[in-house]
Protein backbone atom coordinates (compact mmCIF):
# COMPACT_ATOMS: atom_id res chain seq x y z
CA MET A 1 0.00 0.00 0.00
CA GLY A 2 2.91 2.32 0.74
CA ALA A 3 4.26 1.87 -2.77
CA LEU A 4 0.84 2.64 -4.24
CA SER A 5 0.57 5.87 -2.25
CA THR A 6 3.75 7.18 -3.89
CA LEU A 7 2.30 6.83 -7.41
CA SER A 8 0.76 9.78 -9.20
CA PRO A 9 -3.07 10.05 -9.17
CA GLU A 10 -3.13 9.34 -12.91
CA VAL A 11 -1.18 6.10 -12.51
CA ARG A 12 -3.36 4.99 -9.60
CA GLN A 13 -6.45 5.61 -11.70
CA TYR A 14 -4.90 3.65 -14.56
CA LEU A 15 -4.32 0.72 -12.19
CA VAL A 16 -7.95 0.80 -11.00
CA VAL A 17 -9.26 0.97 -14.57
CA THR A 18 -6.96 -1.87 -15.64
CA GLY A 19 -7.89 -4.00 -12.62
CA ASN A 20 -11.59 -3.58 -13.38
CA TYR A 21 -10.99 -4.43 -17.01
CA TRP A 22 -8.97 -7.54 -16.10
CA ALA A 23 -11.59 -8.85 -13.67
CA PHE A 24 -14.40 -8.28 -16.12
CA THR A 25 -12.45 -9.92 -18.94
CA LEU A 26 -11.92 -13.12 -16.93
CA THR A 27 -15.67 -13.55 -16.46
CA ASP A 28 -16.44 -12.58 -20.05
CA GLY A 29 -14.05 -15.17 -21.53
CA ALA A 30 -15.14 -17.87 -19.10
CA LEU A 31 -18.83 -17.22 -19.79
CA ARG A 32 -18.29 -17.45 -23.54
CA MET A 33 -16.63 -20.87 -23.22
CA LEU A 34 -19.20 -22.07 -20.68
CA VAL A 35 -22.12 -21.25 -22.96
CA VAL A 36 -20.55 -22.76 -26.11
CA LEU A 37 -19.49 -26.03 -24.47
CA HIS A 38 -22.50 -26.48 -22.17
CA PHE A 39 -25.14 -25.94 -24.82
CA TYR A 40 -23.27 -27.97 -27.42
CA SER A 41 -23.26 -30.87 -24.92
CA LEU A 42 -27.04 -30.46 -24.61
CA GLY A 43 -27.41 -31.09 -28.35
CA TYR A 44 -27.67 -27.54 -29.71
CA THR A 45 -26.51 -27.11 -33.31
CA PRO A 46 -23.74 -24.61 -34.17
CA LEU A 47 -26.33 -22.22 -35.63
CA GLU A 48 -28.46 -22.43 -32.46
CA ILE A 49 -25.39 -21.72 -30.32
CA ALA A 50 -24.60 -18.72 -32.50
CA ALA A 51 -28.17 -17.50 -31.93
CA LEU A 52 -27.52 -17.50 -28.16
CA PHE A 53 -24.90 -14.78 -28.76
CA LEU A 54 -27.08 -12.81 -31.15
CA PHE A 55 -28.33 -10.29 -28.59
CA TYR A 56 -24.86 -10.13 -26.98
CA GLU A 57 -23.47 -8.74 -30.22
CA ILE A 58 -26.51 -6.65 -31.21
CA PHE A 59 -26.62 -4.91 -27.85
CA GLY A 60 -22.86 -4.43 -28.04
CA VAL A 61 -23.35 -2.41 -31.23
CA VAL A 62 -25.96 -0.19 -29.59
CA THR A 63 -24.03 0.11 -26.33
CA ASN A 64 -20.85 1.36 -27.95
CA LEU A 65 -22.77 4.05 -29.80
CA VAL A 66 -24.89 5.21 -26.85
CA GLY A 67 -22.23 4.36 -24.26
CA GLY A 68 -19.79 6.83 -25.79
CA TYR A 69 -22.40 9.54 -25.35
CA LEU A 70 -23.07 8.47 -21.75
CA GLY A 71 -19.35 8.43 -20.95
CA ALA A 72 -19.01 12.03 -22.13
CA LEU A 73 -22.21 12.99 -20.29
CA ILE A 74 -21.83 11.32 -16.87
CA GLY A 75 -18.15 10.28 -16.75
CA LEU A 76 -16.26 7.10 -17.54
CA ASN A 77 -16.12 6.02 -13.90
CA ARG A 78 -19.90 5.66 -13.85
CA THR A 79 -20.14 3.84 -17.18
CA MET A 80 -17.44 1.39 -16.05
CA ASN A 81 -19.21 0.70 -12.75
CA ILE A 82 -22.55 0.28 -14.51
CA GLY A 83 -20.90 -2.29 -16.78
CA LEU A 84 -19.54 -4.28 -13.82
CA ALA A 85 -22.94 -4.29 -12.11
CA LEU A 86 -24.76 -5.43 -15.25
CA GLN A 87 -22.33 -8.33 -15.71
CA VAL A 88 -23.05 -9.51 -12.17
CA VAL A 89 -26.79 -9.46 -12.94
CA ALA A 90 -26.24 -11.29 -16.26
CA LEU A 91 -24.30 -14.05 -14.50
CA LEU A 92 -26.95 -14.41 -11.79
CA MET A 93 -29.61 -14.78 -14.49
CA LEU A 94 -27.89 -17.99 -15.59
CA THR A 95 -28.00 -19.57 -12.12
CA VAL A 96 -31.72 -20.35 -12.40
CA PRO A 97 -32.90 -24.00 -12.54
CA GLY A 98 -32.09 -25.83 -15.76
CA ASP A 99 -35.69 -25.84 -16.96
CA TRP A 100 -35.63 -22.02 -17.05
CA LEU A 101 -32.57 -21.89 -19.30
CA THR A 102 -34.55 -21.52 -22.48
CA VAL A 103 -33.04 -19.97 -25.59
CA VAL A 104 -34.91 -16.71 -24.96
CA TRP A 105 -33.73 -16.52 -21.33
CA VAL A 106 -30.09 -17.19 -22.22
CA MET A 107 -30.26 -14.67 -25.07
CA ALA A 108 -31.59 -12.06 -22.61
CA ALA A 109 -28.75 -12.77 -20.19
CA GLN A 110 -26.24 -12.56 -23.04
CA ALA A 111 -27.79 -9.26 -24.13
CA MET A 112 -27.14 -7.81 -20.68
CA SER A 113 -23.61 -9.22 -20.74
CA GLY A 114 -23.03 -7.60 -24.14
CA VAL A 115 -24.10 -4.22 -22.79
CA ALA A 116 -21.86 -4.70 -19.76
CA LYS A 117 -18.81 -5.79 -21.78
CA ASP A 118 -18.87 -2.87 -24.17
CA LEU A 119 -19.53 -0.28 -21.45
CA ASN A 120 -16.50 -1.65 -19.63
CA LYS A 121 -14.24 -1.77 -22.69
CA MET A 122 -15.26 1.65 -23.99
CA SER A 123 -14.60 3.16 -20.55
CA ALA A 124 -11.19 1.52 -20.19
CA LYS A 125 -9.93 2.42 -23.68
CA SER A 126 -11.19 6.01 -23.43
CA SER A 127 -9.56 6.51 -20.03
CA ILE A 128 -6.09 5.91 -21.47
CA LYS A 129 -6.41 8.97 -23.70
CA LEU A 130 -6.96 11.12 -20.61
CA LEU A 131 -4.13 9.64 -18.55
CA VAL A 132 -1.32 9.95 -21.15
CA PRO A 133 -0.13 13.36 -22.46
CA ASP A 134 -1.26 13.95 -26.04
CA CYS A 135 2.27 14.87 -27.11
CA ASP A 136 3.58 11.43 -26.10
CA GLN A 137 2.37 9.30 -29.02
CA GLY A 138 4.97 6.62 -28.32
CA GLY A 139 3.83 6.37 -24.71
CA LEU A 140 0.20 6.29 -25.78
CA TYR A 141 0.89 3.38 -28.17
CA LYS A 142 2.75 1.50 -25.43
CA TRP A 143 -0.01 1.88 -22.81
CA VAL A 144 -2.81 1.04 -25.26
CA ALA A 145 -0.90 -2.06 -26.37
CA LEU A 146 -0.32 -3.14 -22.76
CA LEU A 147 -3.97 -2.67 -21.82
CA THR A 148 -5.25 -4.44 -24.92
CA GLY A 149 -2.71 -7.24 -24.75
CA SER A 150 -3.15 -7.95 -21.05
CA LYS A 151 -6.93 -7.96 -21.50
CA ASN A 152 -6.77 -10.57 -24.22
CA ALA A 153 -4.25 -12.69 -22.34
CA LEU A 154 -6.67 -12.74 -19.42
CA LYS A 155 -9.55 -13.51 -21.77
CA GLY A 156 -7.57 -16.60 -22.73
CA VAL A 157 -7.23 -17.47 -19.05
CA GLY A 158 -11.00 -16.96 -18.90
CA PHE A 159 -11.50 -19.53 -21.69
CA PHE A 160 -9.50 -22.07 -19.70
CA LEU A 161 -11.32 -21.07 -16.53
CA GLY A 162 -14.67 -21.60 -18.21
CA GLY A 163 -13.78 -25.11 -19.39
CA ALA A 164 -12.27 -26.00 -16.01
CA LEU A 165 -15.19 -24.64 -13.96
CA LEU A 166 -17.68 -26.45 -16.18
CA ALA A 167 -15.88 -29.74 -15.57
CA LEU A 168 -15.39 -29.16 -11.82
CA MET A 169 -18.52 -27.28 -10.68
CA GLY A 170 -21.09 -27.66 -13.43
CA PHE A 171 -22.73 -24.79 -15.29
CA THR A 172 -24.72 -23.28 -12.41
CA GLY A 173 -21.92 -23.47 -9.85
CA ALA A 174 -19.46 -21.90 -12.28
CA VAL A 175 -21.55 -18.83 -13.10
CA LEU A 176 -22.50 -18.32 -9.44
CA ALA A 177 -18.85 -18.32 -8.36
CA MET A 178 -17.99 -15.77 -11.05
CA ALA A 179 -20.92 -13.53 -10.07
CA LEU A 180 -19.79 -13.44 -6.44
CA ALA A 181 -16.17 -12.65 -7.33
CA LEU A 182 -17.09 -9.87 -9.77
CA GLY A 183 -19.51 -8.41 -7.23
CA VAL A 184 -16.59 -7.82 -4.86
CA VAL A 185 -14.65 -6.07 -7.65
CA TRP A 186 -17.65 -3.83 -8.37
CA LEU A 187 -17.97 -2.77 -4.73
CA CYS A 188 -14.26 -1.86 -4.60
CA SER A 189 -14.52 0.09 -7.84
CA LEU A 190 -17.36 2.22 -6.50
CA PHE A 191 -14.97 3.68 -3.91
CA LEU A 192 -11.71 3.81 -5.88
CA LEU A 193 -12.53 5.29 -9.29
CA LYS A 194 -12.15 9.06 -9.66
CA ARG A 195 -15.39 10.94 -10.16
CA ASP A 196 -16.09 12.63 -13.51
CA LEU A 197 -13.23 10.89 -15.33
CA GLY A 198 -13.77 11.58 -19.03
CA LYS A 199 -16.79 13.81 -18.57
CA ALA A 200 -17.00 16.36 -21.40
CA LYS A 201 -16.58 20.03 -20.52
CA ALA A 202 -19.75 20.92 -22.41
CA ARG A 203 -22.87 18.79 -22.48
CA PRO A 204 -22.55 16.65 -25.65
CA LYS A 205 -25.31 16.76 -28.23
CA PHE A 206 -27.00 13.49 -29.11
CA ARG A 207 -26.35 14.08 -32.81
CA GLU A 208 -22.62 13.87 -32.02
CA LEU A 209 -22.97 10.09 -31.63
CA LEU A 210 -21.93 9.62 -35.25
CA SER A 211 -18.32 10.54 -35.96
CA LYS A 212 -17.64 13.47 -38.31
CA SER A 213 -13.96 12.51 -38.66
CA ARG A 214 -13.09 10.90 -41.99
CA ARG A 215 -10.13 9.00 -40.59
CA ILE A 216 -12.18 7.59 -37.70
CA ASN A 217 -14.92 6.52 -40.12
CA ILE A 218 -12.37 4.75 -42.33
CA LEU A 219 -10.65 3.07 -39.39
CA SER A 220 -14.04 1.97 -38.01
CA ALA A 221 -15.02 0.34 -41.31
CA ALA A 222 -11.69 -1.50 -41.46
CA ARG A 223 -12.13 -2.64 -37.85
CA MET A 224 -15.57 -4.08 -38.64
CA PHE A 225 -14.19 -6.34 -41.36
CA LEU A 226 -11.09 -7.23 -39.33
CA PHE A 227 -13.07 -8.57 -36.37
CA GLY A 228 -15.69 -10.17 -38.57
CA ALA A 229 -12.80 -12.07 -40.16
CA ARG A 230 -11.68 -13.44 -36.81
CA ASP A 231 -15.07 -14.40 -35.40
CA VAL A 232 -16.41 -16.02 -38.58
CA TRP A 233 -14.34 -19.07 -37.75
CA PHE A 234 -13.07 -18.57 -34.22
CA VAL A 235 -16.28 -18.10 -32.17
CA ILE A 236 -18.45 -21.09 -33.07
CA ALA A 237 -16.86 -23.07 -35.90
CA LEU A 238 -13.45 -23.65 -34.30
CA PRO A 239 -14.46 -24.98 -30.84
CA VAL A 240 -17.25 -27.11 -32.35
CA TYR A 241 -14.83 -28.49 -35.01
CA MET A 242 -12.27 -29.36 -32.33
CA SER A 243 -14.90 -31.09 -30.24
CA SER A 244 -16.68 -32.97 -33.03
CA VAL A 245 -13.85 -33.74 -35.52
CA PHE A 246 -10.80 -33.96 -33.24
CA GLY A 247 -12.80 -35.51 -30.39
CA TRP A 248 -11.37 -33.11 -27.82
CA ASP A 249 -13.04 -32.83 -24.40
CA TYR A 250 -13.92 -29.63 -22.45
CA TRP A 251 -10.46 -29.38 -20.92
CA MET A 252 -8.64 -29.70 -24.23
CA VAL A 253 -10.87 -27.25 -26.12
CA GLY A 254 -10.85 -24.72 -23.29
CA GLY A 255 -7.12 -25.16 -22.70
CA PHE A 256 -6.18 -24.68 -26.34
CA MET A 257 -8.44 -21.67 -26.86
CA ALA A 258 -7.02 -20.21 -23.66
CA SER A 259 -3.43 -20.74 -24.78
CA TRP A 260 -4.14 -19.18 -28.16
CA VAL A 261 -5.73 -16.05 -26.71
CA ILE A 262 -3.02 -15.70 -24.05
CA GLY A 263 -0.33 -15.84 -26.73
CA TYR A 264 -2.36 -13.41 -28.84
CA GLY A 265 -2.50 -11.00 -25.90
CA ILE A 266 1.24 -11.24 -25.30
CA VAL A 267 1.94 -10.37 -28.94
CA GLN A 268 -0.46 -7.41 -28.68
CA SER A 269 1.50 -6.13 -25.69
CA VAL A 270 4.79 -6.08 -27.62
CA ALA A 271 3.25 -4.88 -30.91
CA PRO A 272 4.88 -1.40 -30.62
CA ALA A 273 8.31 -3.03 -30.93
CA ILE A 274 7.16 -5.23 -33.83
CA THR A 275 5.67 -2.36 -35.85
CA GLY A 276 8.68 -0.08 -35.67
CA LYS A 277 8.30 2.17 -32.61
CA LYS A 278 11.96 1.55 -31.75
CA ALA A 279 12.91 2.94 -35.14
CA GLY A 280 11.67 6.36 -34.04
CA GLN A 281 8.09 6.61 -35.25
CA VAL A 282 4.67 5.17 -34.55
CA PRO A 283 2.70 3.51 -37.36
CA GLY A 284 -0.03 5.01 -39.55
CA GLY A 285 -2.30 4.00 -42.41
CA ARG A 286 0.43 2.41 -44.51
CA ALA A 287 1.24 -0.02 -41.69
CA ALA A 288 -2.46 -0.80 -41.17
CA PHE A 289 -2.73 -1.79 -44.85
CA GLY A 290 0.45 -3.87 -44.89
CA TRP A 291 -0.29 -5.90 -41.78
CA ALA A 292 -3.88 -6.59 -42.92
CA ALA A 293 -2.72 -7.71 -46.35
CA ALA A 294 -0.29 -10.18 -44.75
CA LEU A 295 -3.01 -11.51 -42.43
CA ALA A 296 -5.37 -12.24 -45.34
CA LEU A 297 -3.00 -14.94 -46.61
CA ILE A 298 -3.26 -17.12 -43.49
CA PRO A 299 -6.91 -18.29 -43.49
CA ALA A 300 -6.73 -18.84 -47.25
CA ALA A 301 -3.62 -21.00 -46.80
CA ILE A 302 -5.31 -23.06 -44.05
CA ALA A 303 -8.39 -23.57 -46.25
CA LEU A 304 -6.19 -24.84 -49.10
CA ALA A 305 -4.12 -27.12 -46.84
CA LEU A 306 -6.96 -28.81 -44.90
CA PRO A 307 -8.17 -31.04 -47.80
CA SER A 308 -4.65 -31.69 -49.08
CA GLY A 309 -4.10 -34.88 -47.08
CA TRP A 310 -1.86 -33.37 -44.42
CA SER A 311 -2.74 -33.86 -40.76
CA PRO A 312 -5.77 -31.58 -40.09
CA GLN A 313 -4.63 -30.98 -36.52
CA TRP A 314 -1.17 -29.78 -37.53
CA VAL A 315 -2.54 -27.65 -40.36
CA LEU A 316 -5.20 -26.02 -38.22
CA LEU A 317 -3.11 -25.54 -35.10
CA GLY A 318 -0.07 -24.26 -36.99
CA GLY A 319 -2.23 -21.91 -39.03
CA LEU A 320 -3.90 -20.67 -35.90
CA MET A 321 -0.54 -19.74 -34.41
CA LEU A 322 0.42 -17.66 -37.45
CA PHE A 323 -3.04 -16.10 -37.64
CA GLY A 324 -2.87 -15.21 -33.93
CA VAL A 325 0.46 -13.38 -34.27
CA LEU A 326 -0.58 -11.32 -37.29
CA PHE A 327 -4.07 -10.63 -35.99
CA ALA A 328 -2.65 -9.45 -32.66
CA VAL A 329 -0.43 -6.91 -34.41
CA ASN A 330 -3.36 -5.69 -36.52
CA SER A 331 -5.64 -5.36 -33.51
CA SER A 332 -3.07 -3.54 -31.36
CA LEU A 333 -2.25 -1.16 -34.20
CA HIS A 334 -5.94 -0.33 -34.71
CA SER A 335 -6.47 0.17 -30.96
CA TYR A 336 -3.63 2.68 -30.86
CA LEU A 337 -4.84 4.57 -33.93
CA ILE A 338 -8.37 5.11 -32.62
CA VAL A 339 -7.16 6.45 -29.27
CA SER A 340 -4.66 8.66 -31.10
CA TYR A 341 -7.23 9.98 -33.59
CA ALA A 342 -9.92 10.63 -30.93
CA GLN A 343 -10.46 14.13 -29.52
CA SER A 344 -9.49 14.51 -25.86
CA ASP A 345 -12.69 16.34 -24.84
CA GLY A 346 -15.48 13.80 -24.96
CA VAL A 347 -13.04 11.08 -26.06
CA SER A 348 -15.61 8.35 -25.45
CA LEU A 349 -17.77 9.66 -28.32
CA ASP A 350 -15.09 8.79 -30.89
CA VAL A 351 -13.98 5.60 -29.13
CA GLY A 352 -17.58 4.47 -28.69
CA PHE A 353 -18.37 4.97 -32.38
CA TYR A 354 -15.26 2.99 -33.34
CA TYR A 355 -16.05 0.08 -31.03
CA MET A 356 -19.62 0.09 -32.34
CA SER A 357 -18.07 -0.96 -35.65
CA ASN A 358 -15.96 -3.52 -33.79
CA ALA A 359 -19.14 -4.96 -32.25
CA MET A 360 -20.86 -4.96 -35.64
CA GLY A 361 -17.99 -7.00 -37.04
CA ARG A 362 -18.28 -9.47 -34.17
CA LEU A 363 -22.04 -9.72 -34.74
CA ILE A 364 -21.62 -10.45 -38.44
CA GLY A 365 -18.79 -12.89 -37.75
CA THR A 366 -20.70 -14.76 -35.03
CA LEU A 367 -23.80 -15.23 -37.18
CA LEU A 368 -21.75 -16.34 -40.18
CA SER A 369 -19.66 -18.65 -37.99
CA GLY A 370 -22.72 -20.68 -37.04
CA TRP A 371 -24.48 -20.59 -40.40
CA VAL A 372 -21.53 -21.03 -42.77
CA TYR A 373 -20.00 -23.82 -40.66
CA GLN A 374 -23.27 -25.71 -40.39
CA ALA A 375 -24.04 -25.34 -44.11
CA TYR A 376 -20.60 -25.53 -45.73
CA GLY A 377 -17.96 -26.46 -43.15
CA LEU A 378 -14.81 -24.93 -41.70
CA GLU A 379 -13.05 -24.35 -45.02
CA ALA A 380 -15.84 -22.04 -46.18
CA CYS A 381 -15.53 -20.06 -42.91
CA LEU A 382 -11.82 -19.63 -43.63
CA TRP A 383 -12.44 -18.32 -47.14
CA VAL A 384 -14.94 -15.79 -45.79
CA SER A 385 -12.34 -14.76 -43.20
CA SER A 386 -9.71 -14.15 -45.87
CA ALA A 387 -12.13 -12.05 -47.94
CA PHE A 388 -13.03 -9.94 -44.90
CA VAL A 389 -9.37 -9.22 -44.10
CA LEU A 390 -8.75 -8.20 -47.70
CA ALA A 391 -11.65 -5.76 -47.39
CA ALA A 392 -10.10 -4.33 -44.20
CA ALA A 393 -6.78 -3.88 -46.00
CA ALA A 394 -8.37 -2.12 -48.95
CA ILE A 395 -10.31 0.25 -46.68
CA SER A 396 -7.12 1.06 -44.72
CA LEU A 397 -5.63 2.61 -47.84
CA GLY A 398 -7.77 5.68 -47.06
CA LEU A 399 -6.07 6.31 -43.69
CA PRO A 400 -3.37 8.99 -43.21
CA ARG A 401 -0.13 7.36 -44.31
CA HIS A 402 2.09 8.31 -41.38
CA ARG A 403 1.92 9.17 -37.67
CA PRO A 404 4.18 11.68 -35.83
CA MET A 405 7.63 10.80 -34.58
CA VAL A 406 7.84 9.25 -31.12
CA SER A 407 8.44 11.85 -28.44
């Protein structure tokens, strides 16, 4: 505690924001794996499982748009705490007796979880803009990469946690334990987060929900296709394929997905070094195009190799490793650019609009993941993924080519 008291108020606030984000991410990743594996074991088809996440993604789109406005209006501390509270309620909704866990009920709980997740993420990403000097673009890139990377590493831990808790405690016991733990985090956050963090100096107008910045609009469109490309095969198709074709059990599916996301998060954290920050500048639109173009090759290569007679496990797992590295760099680069492009006053308006596009990409990817896999198989999902990344690369050509030198 003595060491914490010597830190600046900004750093202490960053630690609180990051701690909230980490705790929320653990429950979010675990809940995703719990729902996929539990309902697949009950006999749900991949398309029906995708439908369970429909409201999660739809409400994420709406939340990012409206949440950015709320963050500027009432402060990011309040939107973050609201998100934590809603996730606790969403988890408790899933502790009802098994007969109550109808598709509609689970979709409603997932809708609330989607609202909670995107309020929490929008608040955390927006806060970084306010806690790092605007002149320090290199520092901003580093802190955004660390926040994003650590979040995804912990989401991977959450995947493993979800599979482990399902095996050890069953579905109801697992979600109840997570609700109790996150409730403690929420109570601590109520007392520790600074009031009015991120609140706009002037009351924002509702029409300001839609971004008027050309570069933010372009980056948002690229982000939509980028995350649609990931989720079209990663969310439903991949875990179901591993379970049904490879014959993997809960522990193996959860453990592998966890390891992949943890590695993905680690690469995100060191992305500034990979993309050239040490060379004296931070990346811009040219880098966004180049890294997306390279990523587009990976799912296409996996799709070509799967029917070639090689071991499907080695092809898929090796391809996943390469995809994870390149996707992590793309994601971290995008996360830096949106925080850099956003205006400091009412930052959550720009960040919220951008992550609305992120949520739209996840929604499209999730729906296609269930439908395309069920109708055409994993290879078709991979071809759709490659096409989406190519679209993201083409859109990125409209971004400013360079960013300022590192200060």
